[in-house]
């Protein structure tokens, strides 16, 4: 029996999609909480202008604040009912201005 011939195949094409500024901001948000540092990190990752990165960080912060207040709740369907409908619940921030900051480190004393 003869060995099978190898078929010639076309070269593999690799698609190169450079990251966007929004993706760089997402990565920077995972590294630090300081907005100025996030802008610097995103600008360095993309090689973009610092002012452009600051604007993208500001927009991402506004979008995250709006998303944090919104929760979608879907109640369970009852017998004989159609598909459950979604309910959007928005939490409003507290208007209490006398909040006390939590300590960053909790120290436990040994018994």
PDB file of N, CA and C in Angstrom:
ATOM      1  N   UNK A   1       0.838  -1.178   0.000  1.00  0.00           N
ATOM      2  CA  UNK A   1       0.000   0.000   0.000  1.00  0.00           C
ATOM      3  C   UNK A   1       0.888   1.249   0.000  1.00  0.00           C
ATOM      4  N   UNK A   2       0.507   2.232  -0.797  1.00  0.00           N
ATOM      5  CA  UNK A   2       1.299   3.442  -0.899  1.00  0.00           C
ATOM      6  C   UNK A   2       0.941   4.412   0.230  1.00  0.00           C
ATOM      7  N   UNK A   3       1.946   5.185   0.728  1.00  0.00           N
ATOM      8  CA  UNK A   3       1.634   6.200   1.737  1.00  0.00           C
ATOM      9  C   UNK A   3       0.809   7.338   1.114  1.00  0.00           C
ATOM     10  N   UNK A   4      -0.039   7.941   1.932  1.00  0.00           N
ATOM     11  CA  UNK A   4      -0.895   9.021   1.441  1.00  0.00           C
ATOM     12  C   UNK A   4      -0.071  10.262   1.145  1.00  0.00           C
ATOM     13  N   UNK A   5      -0.465  10.978   0.095  1.00  0.00           N
ATOM     14  CA  UNK A   5       0.225  12.211  -0.256  1.00  0.00           C
ATOM     15  C   UNK A   5      -0.208  13.325   0.697  1.00  0.00           C
ATOM     16  N   UNK A   6       0.742  14.156   1.040  1.00  0.00           N
ATOM     17  CA  UNK A   6       0.401  15.325   1.856  1.00  0.00           C
ATOM     18  C   UNK A   6      -0.163  16.406   0.944  1.00  0.00           C
ATOM     19  N   UNK A   7      -1.277  16.976   1.360  1.00  0.00           N
ATOM     20  CA  UNK A   7      -1.900  18.028   0.572  1.00  0.00           C
ATOM     21  C   UNK A   7      -1.239  19.353   0.908  1.00  0.00           C
ATOM     22  N   UNK A   8      -1.039  20.141  -0.094  1.00  0.00           N
ATOM     23  CA  UNK A   8      -0.501  21.473   0.182  1.00  0.00           C
ATOM     24  C   UNK A   8      -1.654  22.367   0.638  1.00  0.00           C
ATOM     25  N   UNK A   9      -1.426  23.035   1.696  1.00  0.00           N
ATOM     26  CA  UNK A   9      -2.467  23.900   2.264  1.00  0.00           C
ATOM     27  C   UNK A   9      -2.020  25.356   2.174  1.00  0.00           C
ATOM     28  N   UNK A  10      -2.978  26.261   2.111  1.00  0.00           N
ATOM     29  CA  UNK A  10      -2.604  27.681   2.061  1.00  0.00           C
ATOM     30  C   UNK A  10      -2.008  28.112   3.407  1.00  0.00           C
ATOM     31  N   UNK A  11      -1.224  29.169   3.399  1.00  0.00           N
ATOM     32  CA  UNK A  11      -0.638  29.632   4.666  1.00  0.00           C
ATOM     33  C   UNK A  11      -1.725  30.123   5.628  1.00  0.00           C
ATOM     34  N   UNK A  12      -1.447  29.981   6.900  1.00  0.00           N
ATOM     35  CA  UNK A  12      -2.398  30.396   7.929  1.00  0.00           C
ATOM     36  C   UNK A  12      -2.382  31.914   8.028  1.00  0.00           C
ATOM     37  N   UNK A  13      -3.563  32.503   8.014  1.00  0.00           N
ATOM     38  CA  UNK A  13      -3.675  33.956   8.152  1.00  0.00           C
ATOM     39  C   UNK A  13      -3.993  34.277   9.604  1.00  0.00           C
ATOM     40  N   UNK A  14      -3.217  35.150  10.177  1.00  0.00           N
ATOM     41  CA  UNK A  14      -3.420  35.556  11.556  1.00  0.00           C
ATOM     42  C   UNK A  14      -3.988  36.965  11.556  1.00  0.00           C
ATOM     43  N   UNK A  15      -5.113  37.099  12.202  1.00  0.00           N
ATOM     44  CA  UNK A  15      -5.763  38.406  12.280  1.00  0.00           C
ATOM     45  C   UNK A  15      -5.192  39.155  13.469  1.00  0.00           C
ATOM     46  N   UNK A  16      -4.774  40.378  13.256  1.00  0.00           N
ATOM     47  CA  UNK A  16      -4.188  41.182  14.330  1.00  0.00           C
ATOM     48  C   UNK A  16      -5.116  42.351  14.621  1.00  0.00           C
ATOM     49  N   UNK A  17      -5.751  42.310  15.785  1.00  0.00           N
ATOM     50  CA  UNK A  17      -6.597  43.410  16.240  1.00  0.00           C
ATOM     51  C   UNK A  17      -5.917  44.073  17.426  1.00  0.00           C
ATOM     52  N   UNK A  18      -5.370  45.261  17.245  1.00  0.00           N
ATOM     53  CA  UNK A  18      -4.749  45.930  18.388  1.00  0.00           C
ATOM     54  C   UNK A  18      -5.811  46.293  19.421  1.00  0.00           C
ATOM     55  N   UNK A  19      -5.439  46.314  20.699  1.00  0.00           N
ATOM     56  CA  UNK A  19      -6.422  46.645  21.736  1.00  0.00           C
ATOM     57  C   UNK A  19      -6.899  48.088  21.596  1.00  0.00           C
ATOM     58  N   UNK A  20      -8.109  48.320  22.073  1.00  0.00           N
ATOM     59  CA  UNK A  20      -8.667  49.662  22.029  1.00  0.00           C
ATOM     60  C   UNK A  20      -8.350  50.388  23.331  1.00  0.00           C
ATOM     61  N   UNK A  21      -8.615  51.677  23.345  1.00  0.00           N
ATOM     62  CA  UNK A  21      -8.368  52.466  24.542  1.00  0.00           C
ATOM     63  C   UNK A  21      -9.300  52.034  25.672  1.00  0.00           C
ATOM     64  N   UNK A  22     -10.521  51.619  25.338  1.00  0.00           N
ATOM     65  CA  UNK A  22     -11.461  51.156  26.361  1.00  0.00           C
ATOM     66  C   UNK A  22     -10.944  49.878  27.023  1.00  0.00           C
ATOM     67  N   UNK A  23     -10.328  49.000  26.256  1.00  0.00           N
ATOM     68  CA  UNK A  23      -9.749  47.785  26.832  1.00  0.00           C
ATOM     69  C   UNK A  23      -8.563  48.104  27.721  1.00  0.00           C
ATOM     70  N   UNK A  24      -7.772  49.102  27.342  1.00  0.00           N
ATOM     71  CA  UNK A  24      -6.647  49.520  28.176  1.00  0.00           C
ATOM     72  C   UNK A  24      -7.143  50.138  29.481  1.00  0.00           C
ATOM     73  N   UNK A  25      -8.226  50.890  29.419  1.00  0.00           N
ATOM     74  CA  UNK A  25      -8.807  51.473  30.631  1.00  0.00           C
ATOM     75  C   UNK A  25      -9.345  50.369  31.534  1.00  0.00           C
ATOM     76  N   UNK A  26      -9.981  49.350  30.950  1.00  0.00           N
ATOM     77  CA  UNK A  26     -10.472  48.221  31.731  1.00  0.00           C
ATOM     78  C   UNK A  26      -9.325  47.524  32.459  1.00  0.00           C
ATOM     79  N   UNK A  27      -8.198  47.343  31.777  1.00  0.00           N
ATOM     80  CA  UNK A  27      -7.033  46.720  32.410  1.00  0.00           C
ATOM     81  C   UNK A  27      -6.474  47.614  33.510  1.00  0.00           C
ATOM     82  N   UNK A  28      -6.433  48.914  33.277  1.00  0.00           N
ATOM     83  CA  UNK A  28      -5.902  49.845  34.278  1.00  0.00           C
ATOM     84  C   UNK A  28      -6.800  49.904  35.510  1.00  0.00           C
ATOM     85  N   UNK A  29      -8.119  49.767  35.311  1.00  0.00           N
ATOM     86  CA  UNK A  29      -9.036  49.781  36.456  1.00  0.00           C
ATOM     87  C   UNK A  29      -8.809  48.569  37.349  1.00  0.00           C
ATOM     88  N   UNK A  30      -8.343  47.464  36.771  1.00  0.00           N
ATOM     89  CA  UNK A  30      -8.044  46.279  37.561  1.00  0.00           C
ATOM     90  C   UNK A  30      -6.747  46.408  38.345  1.00  0.00           C
ATOM     91  N   UNK A  31      -5.886  47.335  37.947  1.00  0.00           N
ATOM     92  CA  UNK A  31      -4.590  47.481  38.609  1.00  0.00           C
ATOM     93  C   UNK A  31      -4.610  48.486  39.756  1.00  0.00           C
ATOM     94  N   UNK A  32      -5.388  49.552  39.635  1.00  0.00           N
ATOM     95  CA  UNK A  32      -5.373  50.593  40.664  1.00  0.00           C
ATOM     96  C   UNK A  32      -6.742  51.259  40.751  1.00  0.00           C
ATOM     97  N   UNK A  33      -7.002  51.893  41.895  1.00  0.00           N
ATOM     98  CA  UNK A  33      -8.256  52.610  42.096  1.00  0.00           C
ATOM     99  C   UNK A  33      -8.117  54.103  41.809  1.00  0.00           C
ATOM    100  N   UNK A  34      -6.892  54.616  41.770  1.00  0.00           N
ATOM    101  CA  UNK A  34      -6.652  56.038  41.543  1.00  0.00           C
ATOM    102  C   UNK A  34      -6.884  56.367  40.069  1.00  0.00           C
ATOM    103  N   UNK A  35      -7.739  57.343  39.797  1.00  0.00           N
ATOM    104  CA  UNK A  35      -8.114  57.672  38.417  1.00  0.00           C
ATOM    105  C   UNK A  35      -6.933  58.219  37.614  1.00  0.00           C
ATOM    106  N   UNK A  36      -6.081  59.001  38.260  1.00  0.00           N
ATOM    107  CA  UNK A  36      -4.926  59.572  37.554  1.00  0.00           C
ATOM    108  C   UNK A  36      -3.948  58.468  37.141  1.00  0.00           C
ATOM    109  N   UNK A  37      -3.727  57.516  38.039  1.00  0.00           N
ATOM    110  CA  UNK A  37      -2.848  56.397  37.696  1.00  0.00           C
ATOM    111  C   UNK A  37      -3.463  55.528  36.597  1.00  0.00           C
ATOM    112  N   UNK A  38      -4.781  55.372  36.632  1.00  0.00           N
ATOM    113  CA  UNK A  38      -5.443  54.608  35.581  1.00  0.00           C
ATOM    114  C   UNK A  38      -5.224  55.263  34.220  1.00  0.00           C
ATOM    115  N   UNK A  39      -5.323  56.580  34.180  1.00  0.00           N
ATOM    116  CA  UNK A  39      -5.126  57.299  32.919  1.00  0.00           C
ATOM    117  C   UNK A  39      -3.686  57.136  32.433  1.00  0.00           C
ATOM    118  N   UNK A  40      -2.723  57.217  33.358  1.00  0.00           N
ATOM    119  CA  UNK A  40      -1.320  57.059  32.974  1.00  0.00           C
ATOM    120  C   UNK A  40      -1.056  55.652  32.436  1.00  0.00           C
ATOM    121  N   UNK A  41      -1.602  54.636  33.111  1.00  0.00           N
ATOM    122  CA  UNK A  41      -1.389  53.260  32.686  1.00  0.00           C
ATOM    123  C   UNK A  41      -2.016  53.023  31.316  1.00  0.00           C
ATOM    124  N   UNK A  42      -3.238  53.502  31.126  1.00  0.00           N
ATOM    125  CA  UNK A  42      -3.924  53.312  29.838  1.00  0.00           C
ATOM    126  C   UNK A  42      -3.182  54.034  28.718  1.00  0.00           C
ATOM    127  N   UNK A  43      -2.681  55.235  28.995  1.00  0.00           N
ATOM    128  CA  UNK A  43      -1.944  55.988  27.977  1.00  0.00           C
ATOM    129  C   UNK A  43      -0.650  55.266  27.607  1.00  0.00           C
ATOM    130  N   UNK A  44       0.040  54.706  28.604  1.00  0.00           N
ATOM    131  CA  UNK A  44       1.278  53.985  28.313  1.00  0.00           C
ATOM    132  C   UNK A  44       1.010  52.683  27.568  1.00  0.00           C
ATOM    133  N   UNK A  45      -0.078  51.986  27.914  1.00  0.00           N
ATOM    134  CA  UNK A  45      -0.395  50.741  27.221  1.00  0.00           C
ATOM    135  C   UNK A  45      -0.713  50.978  25.749  1.00  0.00           C
ATOM    136  N   UNK A  46      -1.403  52.065  25.466  1.00  0.00           N
ATOM    137  CA  UNK A  46      -1.838  52.322  24.102  1.00  0.00           C
ATOM    138  C   UNK A  46      -0.912  53.250  23.340  1.00  0.00           C
ATOM    139  N   UNK A  47      -0.015  53.939  24.035  1.00  0.00           N
ATOM    140  CA  UNK A  47       0.806  54.933  23.365  1.00  0.00           C
ATOM    141  C   UNK A  47      -0.028  56.127  22.949  1.00  0.00           C
ATOM    142  N   UNK A  48      -1.073  56.388  23.717  1.00  0.00           N
ATOM    143  CA  UNK A  48      -1.998  57.478  23.392  1.00  0.00           C
ATOM    144  C   UNK A  48      -1.656  58.719  24.218  1.00  0.00           C
ATOM    145  N   UNK A  49      -2.355  59.797  23.904  1.00  0.00           N
ATOM    146  CA  UNK A  49      -2.183  61.049  24.626  1.00  0.00           C
ATOM    147  C   UNK A  49      -2.797  60.921  26.015  1.00  0.00           C
ATOM    148  N   UNK A  50      -2.181  61.544  27.009  1.00  0.00           N
ATOM    149  CA  UNK A  50      -2.652  61.448  28.394  1.00  0.00           C
ATOM    150  C   UNK A  50      -4.035  62.085  28.551  1.00  0.00           C
ATOM    151  N   UNK A  51      -4.309  63.181  27.857  1.00  0.00           N
ATOM    152  CA  UNK A  51      -5.628  63.829  27.953  1.00  0.00           C
ATOM    153  C   UNK A  51      -6.725  62.927  27.392  1.00  0.00           C
ATOM    154  N   UNK A  52      -6.420  62.242  26.308  1.00  0.00           N
ATOM    155  CA  UNK A  52      -7.384  61.314  25.713  1.00  0.00           C
ATOM    156  C   UNK A  52      -7.664  60.141  26.667  1.00  0.00           C
ATOM    157  N   UNK A  53      -6.625  59.663  27.337  1.00  0.00           N
ATOM    158  CA  UNK A  53      -6.786  58.563  28.294  1.00  0.00           C
ATOM    159  C   UNK A  53      -7.574  59.030  29.518  1.00  0.00           C
ATOM    160  N   UNK A  54      -7.351  60.265  29.975  1.00  0.00           N
ATOM    161  CA  UNK A  54      -8.103  60.798  31.119  1.00  0.00           C
ATOM    162  C   UNK A  54      -9.600  60.842  30.808  1.00  0.00           C
ATOM    163  N   UNK A  55      -9.932  61.258  29.595  1.00  0.00           N
ATOM    164  CA  UNK A  55     -11.342  61.336  29.192  1.00  0.00           C
ATOM    165  C   UNK A  55     -11.963  59.938  29.148  1.00  0.00           C
ATOM    166  N   UNK A  56     -11.222  58.967  28.644  1.00  0.00           N
ATOM    167  CA  UNK A  56     -11.736  57.597  28.579  1.00  0.00           C
ATOM    168  C   UNK A  56     -11.917  57.014  29.983  1.00  0.00           C
ATOM    169  N   UNK A  57     -11.007  57.317  30.902  1.00  0.00           N
ATOM    170  CA  UNK A  57     -11.129  56.848  32.285  1.00  0.00           C
ATOM    171  C   UNK A  57     -12.335  57.492  32.951  1.00  0.00           C
ATOM    172  N   UNK A  58     -12.547  58.784  32.701  1.00  0.00           N
ATOM    173  CA  UNK A  58     -13.691  59.483  33.288  1.00  0.00           C
ATOM    174  C   UNK A  58     -15.001  58.889  32.783  1.00  0.00           C
ATOM    175  N   UNK A  59     -15.074  58.616  31.493  1.00  0.00           N
ATOM    176  CA  UNK A  59     -16.289  58.024  30.928  1.00  0.00           C
ATOM    177  C   UNK A  59     -16.527  56.617  31.466  1.00  0.00           C
ATOM    178  N   UNK A  60     -15.464  55.852  31.653  1.00  0.00           N
ATOM    179  CA  UNK A  60     -15.605  54.504  32.202  1.00  0.00           C
ATOM    180  C   UNK A  60     -16.065  54.552  33.657  1.00  0.00           C
ATOM    181  N   UNK A  61     -15.614  55.538  34.404  1.00  0.00           N
ATOM    182  CA  UNK A  61     -16.016  55.686  35.810  1.00  0.00           C
ATOM    183  C   UNK A  61     -17.497  56.054  35.900  1.00  0.00           C
ATOM    184  N   UNK A  62     -17.962  56.927  35.017  1.00  0.00           N
ATOM    185  CA  UNK A  62     -19.373  57.316  35.015  1.00  0.00           C
ATOM    186  C   UNK A  62     -20.251  56.115  34.643  1.00  0.00           C
ATOM    187  N   UNK A  63     -19.824  55.356  33.650  1.00  0.00           N
ATOM    188  CA  UNK A  63     -20.597  54.181  33.225  1.00  0.00           C
ATOM    189  C   UNK A  63     -20.635  53.127  34.328  1.00  0.00           C
ATOM    190  N   UNK A  64     -19.528  52.942  35.041  1.00  0.00           N
ATOM    191  CA  UNK A  64     -19.485  51.955  36.123  1.00  0.00           C
ATOM    192  C   UNK A  64     -20.366  52.385  37.289  1.00  0.00           C
ATOM    193  N   UNK A  65     -20.424  53.690  37.572  1.00  0.00           N
ATOM    194  CA  UNK A  65     -21.270  54.179  38.656  1.00  0.00           C
ATOM    195  C   UNK A  65     -22.744  53.978  38.322  1.00  0.00           C
ATOM    196  N   UNK A  66     -23.113  54.192  37.063  1.00  0.00           N
ATOM    197  CA  UNK A  66     -24.499  53.983  36.669  1.00  0.00           C
ATOM    198  C   UNK A  66     -24.852  52.501  36.694  1.00  0.00           C
ATOM    199  N   UNK A  67     -23.934  51.646  36.287  1.00  0.00           N
ATOM    200  CA  UNK A  67     -24.190  50.201  36.263  1.00  0.00           C
ATOM    201  C   UNK A  67     -24.261  49.632  37.679  1.00  0.00           C
ATOM    202  N   UNK A  68     -23.530  50.211  38.613  1.00  0.00           N
ATOM    203  CA  UNK A  68     -23.525  49.703  39.984  1.00  0.00           C
ATOM    204  C   UNK A  68     -24.862  49.947  40.677  1.00  0.00           C
ATOM    205  N   UNK A  69     -25.599  50.964  40.248  1.00  0.00           N
ATOM    206  CA  UNK A  69     -26.885  51.262  40.879  1.00  0.00           C
ATOM    207  C   UNK A  69     -28.026  50.439  40.296  1.00  0.00           C
ATOM    208  N   UNK A  70     -27.799  49.733  39.208  1.00  0.00           N
ATOM    209  CA  UNK A  70     -28.877  49.056  38.506  1.00  0.00           C
ATOM    210  C   UNK A  70     -28.729  47.537  38.650  1.00  0.00           C
ATOM    211  N   UNK A  71     -29.805  46.895  39.031  1.00  0.00           N
ATOM    212  CA  UNK A  71     -29.836  45.449  39.163  1.00  0.00           C
ATOM    213  C   UNK A  71     -31.074  44.939  38.437  1.00  0.00           C
ATOM    214  N   UNK A  72     -30.927  43.885  37.653  1.00  0.00           N
ATOM    215  CA  UNK A  72     -32.061  43.308  36.952  1.00  0.00           C
ATOM    216  C   UNK A  72     -32.482  42.046  37.688  1.00  0.00           C
ATOM    217  N   UNK A  73     -33.734  42.015  38.108  1.00  0.00           N
ATOM    218  CA  UNK A  73     -34.269  40.898  38.858  1.00  0.00           C
ATOM    219  C   UNK A  73     -35.336  40.226  38.009  1.00  0.00           C
ATOM    220  N   UNK A  74     -35.257  38.906  37.876  1.00  0.00           N
ATOM    221  CA  UNK A  74     -36.285  38.177  37.141  1.00  0.00           C
ATOM    222  C   UNK A  74     -36.977  37.235  38.105  1.00  0.00           C
ATOM    223  N   UNK A  75     -38.239  37.464  38.390  1.00  0.00           N
ATOM    224  CA  UNK A  75     -38.967  36.573  39.300  1.00  0.00           C
ATOM    225  C   UNK A  75     -39.217  35.226  38.649  1.00  0.00           C
ATOM    226  N   UNK A  76     -39.384  34.207  39.461  1.00  0.00           N
ATOM    227  CA  UNK A  76     -39.641  32.866  38.951  1.00  0.00           C
ATOM    228  C   UNK A  76     -41.029  32.814  38.314  1.00  0.00           C
ATOM    229  N   UNK A  77     -41.163  32.020  37.252  1.00  0.00           N
ATOM    230  CA  UNK A  77     -42.450  31.885  36.570  1.00  0.00           C
ATOM    231  C   UNK A  77     -43.363  30.974  37.378  1.00  0.00           C
ATOM    232  N   UNK A  78     -44.620  31.338  37.437  1.00  0.00           N
ATOM    233  CA  UNK A  78     -45.608  30.508  38.123  1.00  0.00           C
ATOM    234  C   UNK A  78     -46.193  29.526  37.132  1.00  0.00           C
ATOM    235  N   UNK A  79     -46.868  28.532  37.648  1.00  0.00           N
ATOM    236  CA  UNK A  79     -47.452  27.507  36.796  1.00  0.00           C
ATOM    237  C   UNK A  79     -48.485  28.134  35.860  1.00  0.00           C
ATOM    238  N   UNK A  80     -48.355  27.885  34.571  1.00  0.00           N
ATOM    239  CA  UNK A  80     -49.306  28.390  33.599  1.00  0.00           C
ATOM    240  C   UNK A  80     -49.005  29.786  33.099  1.00  0.00           C
ATOM    241  N   UNK A  81     -47.971  30.428  33.625  1.00  0.00           N
ATOM    242  CA  UNK A  81     -47.613  31.779  33.208  1.00  0.00           C
ATOM    243  C   UNK A  81     -46.677  31.734  32.016  1.00  0.00           C
ATOM    244  N   UNK A  82     -46.627  32.814  31.307  1.00  0.00           N
ATOM    245  CA  UNK A  82     -45.674  32.941  30.204  1.00  0.00           C
ATOM    246  C   UNK A  82     -44.281  33.159  30.798  1.00  0.00           C
ATOM    247  N   UNK A  83     -43.317  33.424  29.957  1.00  0.00           N
ATOM    248  CA  UNK A  83     -41.940  33.634  30.415  1.00  0.00           C
ATOM    249  C   UNK A  83     -41.893  34.784  31.421  1.00  0.00           C
ATOM    250  N   UNK A  84     -41.016  34.685  32.427  1.00  0.00           N
ATOM    251  CA  UNK A  84     -40.940  35.756  33.431  1.00  0.00           C
ATOM    252  C   UNK A  84     -40.434  37.054  32.817  1.00  0.00           C
ATOM    253  N   UNK A  85     -40.930  38.165  33.347  1.00  0.00           N
ATOM    254  CA  UNK A  85     -40.512  39.469  32.870  1.00  0.00           C
ATOM    255  C   UNK A  85     -39.431  40.013  33.792  1.00  0.00           C
ATOM    256  N   UNK A  86     -38.524  40.743  33.241  1.00  0.00           N
ATOM    257  CA  UNK A  86     -37.450  41.333  34.035  1.00  0.00           C
ATOM    258  C   UNK A  86     -37.894  42.611  34.712  1.00  0.00           C
ATOM    259  N   UNK A  87     -37.381  42.854  35.887  1.00  0.00           N
ATOM    260  CA  UNK A  87     -37.690  44.063  36.638  1.00  0.00           C
ATOM    261  C   UNK A  87     -36.374  44.750  36.941  1.00  0.00           C
ATOM    262  N   UNK A  88     -36.269  46.032  36.640  1.00  0.00           N
ATOM    263  CA  UNK A  88     -35.048  46.778  36.908  1.00  0.00           C
ATOM    264  C   UNK A  88     -35.198  47.487  38.242  1.00  0.00           C
ATOM    265  N   UNK A  89     -34.250  47.236  39.138  1.00  0.00           N
ATOM    266  CA  UNK A  89     -34.260  47.858  40.459  1.00  0.00           C
ATOM    267  C   UNK A  89     -33.060  48.779  40.527  1.00  0.00           C
ATOM    268  N   UNK A  90     -33.284  50.049  40.822  1.00  0.00           N
ATOM    269  CA  UNK A  90     -32.190  50.999  40.944  1.00  0.00           C
ATOM    270  C   UNK A  90     -32.016  51.371  42.405  1.00  0.00           C
ATOM    271  N   UNK A  91     -30.766  51.272  42.860  1.00  0.00           N
ATOM    272  CA  UNK A  91     -30.456  51.685  44.226  1.00  0.00           C
ATOM    273  C   UNK A  91     -29.997  53.130  44.193  1.00  0.00           C
ATOM    274  N   UNK A  92     -30.509  53.899  45.100  1.00  0.00           N
ATOM    275  CA  UNK A  92     -30.095  55.290  45.180  1.00  0.00           C
ATOM    276  C   UNK A  92     -29.054  55.431  46.280  1.00  0.00           C
ATOM    277  N   UNK A  93     -28.030  56.263  46.071  1.00  0.00           N
ATOM    278  CA  UNK A  93     -27.013  56.420  47.103  1.00  0.00           C
ATOM    279  C   UNK A  93     -27.588  57.091  48.347  1.00  0.00           C
ATOM    280  N   UNK A  94     -27.016  56.772  49.466  1.00  0.00           N
ATOM    281  CA  UNK A  94     -27.475  57.334  50.722  1.00  0.00           C
ATOM    282  C   UNK A  94     -27.202  58.831  50.769  1.00  0.00           C
ATOM    283  N   UNK A  95     -28.105  59.569  51.351  1.00  0.00           N
ATOM    284  CA  UNK A  95     -27.909  61.007  51.473  1.00  0.00           C
ATOM    285  C   UNK A  95     -27.382  61.367  52.855  1.00  0.00           C
ATOM    286  N   UNK A  96     -26.927  60.371  53.586  1.00  0.00           N
ATOM    287  CA  UNK A  96     -26.375  60.593  54.911  1.00  0.00           C
ATOM    288  C   UNK A  96     -24.948  61.108  54.758  1.00  0.00           C
ATOM    289  N   UNK A  97     -24.712  62.338  55.188  1.00  0.00           N
ATOM    290  CA  UNK A  97     -23.393  62.934  55.029  1.00  0.00           C
ATOM    291  C   UNK A  97     -22.494  62.656  56.233  1.00  0.00           C
ATOM    292  N   UNK A  98     -23.013  61.984  57.232  1.00  0.00           N
ATOM    293  CA  UNK A  98     -22.237  61.722  58.448  1.00  0.00           C
ATOM    294  C   UNK A  98     -21.656  60.305  58.440  1.00  0.00           C
ATOM    295  N   UNK A  99     -21.233  59.840  57.298  1.00  0.00           N
ATOM    296  CA  UNK A  99     -20.675  58.501  57.239  1.00  0.00           C
ATOM    297  C   UNK A  99     -19.264  58.495  57.801  1.00  0.00           C
ATOM    298  N   UNK A 100     -18.917  57.422  58.466  1.00  0.00           N
ATOM    299  CA  UNK A 100     -17.600  57.277  59.068  1.00  0.00           C
ATOM    300  C   UNK A 100     -16.814  56.284  58.223  1.00  0.00           C
ATOM    301  N   UNK A 101     -15.613  56.654  57.783  1.00  0.00           N
ATOM    302  CA  UNK A 101     -14.846  55.718  56.962  1.00  0.00           C
ATOM    303  C   UNK A 101     -14.416  54.504  57.771  1.00  0.00           C
ATOM    304  N   UNK A 102     -14.416  53.354  57.114  1.00  0.00           N
ATOM    305  CA  UNK A 102     -13.985  52.136  57.771  1.00  0.00           C
ATOM    306  C   UNK A 102     -12.465  52.098  57.860  1.00  0.00           C
ATOM    307  N   UNK A 103     -11.931  51.466  58.896  1.00  0.00           N
ATOM    308  CA  UNK A 103     -10.475  51.338  58.948  1.00  0.00           C
ATOM    309  C   UNK A 103     -10.010  50.380  57.852  1.00  0.00           C
ATOM    310  N   UNK A 104      -8.850  50.681  57.292  1.00  0.00           N
ATOM    311  CA  UNK A 104      -8.332  49.870  56.198  1.00  0.00           C
ATOM    312  C   UNK A 104      -7.810  48.527  56.704  1.00  0.00           C
ATOM    313  N   UNK A 105      -7.275  48.508  57.912  1.00  0.00           N
ATOM    314  CA  UNK A 105      -6.693  47.287  58.464  1.00  0.00           C
ATOM    315  C   UNK A 105      -7.394  46.956  59.773  1.00  0.00           C
ATOM    316  N   UNK A 106      -7.791  45.730  59.939  1.00  0.00           N
ATOM    317  CA  UNK A 106      -8.409  45.283  61.179  1.00  0.00           C
ATOM    318  C   UNK A 106      -7.358  44.515  61.953  1.00  0.00           C
ATOM    319  N   UNK A 107      -7.083  44.964  63.165  1.00  0.00           N
ATOM    320  CA  UNK A 107      -6.067  44.304  63.990  1.00  0.00           C
ATOM    321  C   UNK A 107      -6.764  43.409  65.016  1.00  0.00           C
ATOM    322  N   UNK A 108      -6.360  42.167  65.032  1.00  0.00           N
ATOM    323  CA  UNK A 108      -6.913  41.213  65.972  1.00  0.00           C
ATOM    324  C   UNK A 108      -5.923  40.981  67.096  1.00  0.00           C
ATOM    325  N   UNK A 109      -6.426  41.000  68.309  1.00  0.00           N
ATOM    326  CA  UNK A 109      -5.539  40.755  69.435  1.00  0.00           C
ATOM    327  C   UNK A 109      -5.614  39.287  69.827  1.00  0.00           C
ATOM    328  N   UNK A 110      -4.474  38.660  70.136  1.00  0.00           N
ATOM    329  CA  UNK A 110      -4.520  37.248  70.539  1.00  0.00           C
ATOM    330  C   UNK A 110      -5.126  37.083  71.909  1.00  0.00           C
ATOM    331  N   UNK A 111      -5.737  35.953  72.155  1.00  0.00           N
ATOM    332  CA  UNK A 111      -6.352  35.681  73.441  1.00  0.00           C
ATOM    333  C   UNK A 111      -5.366  35.185  74.441  1.00  0.00           C
TER     334      UNK A 111
END
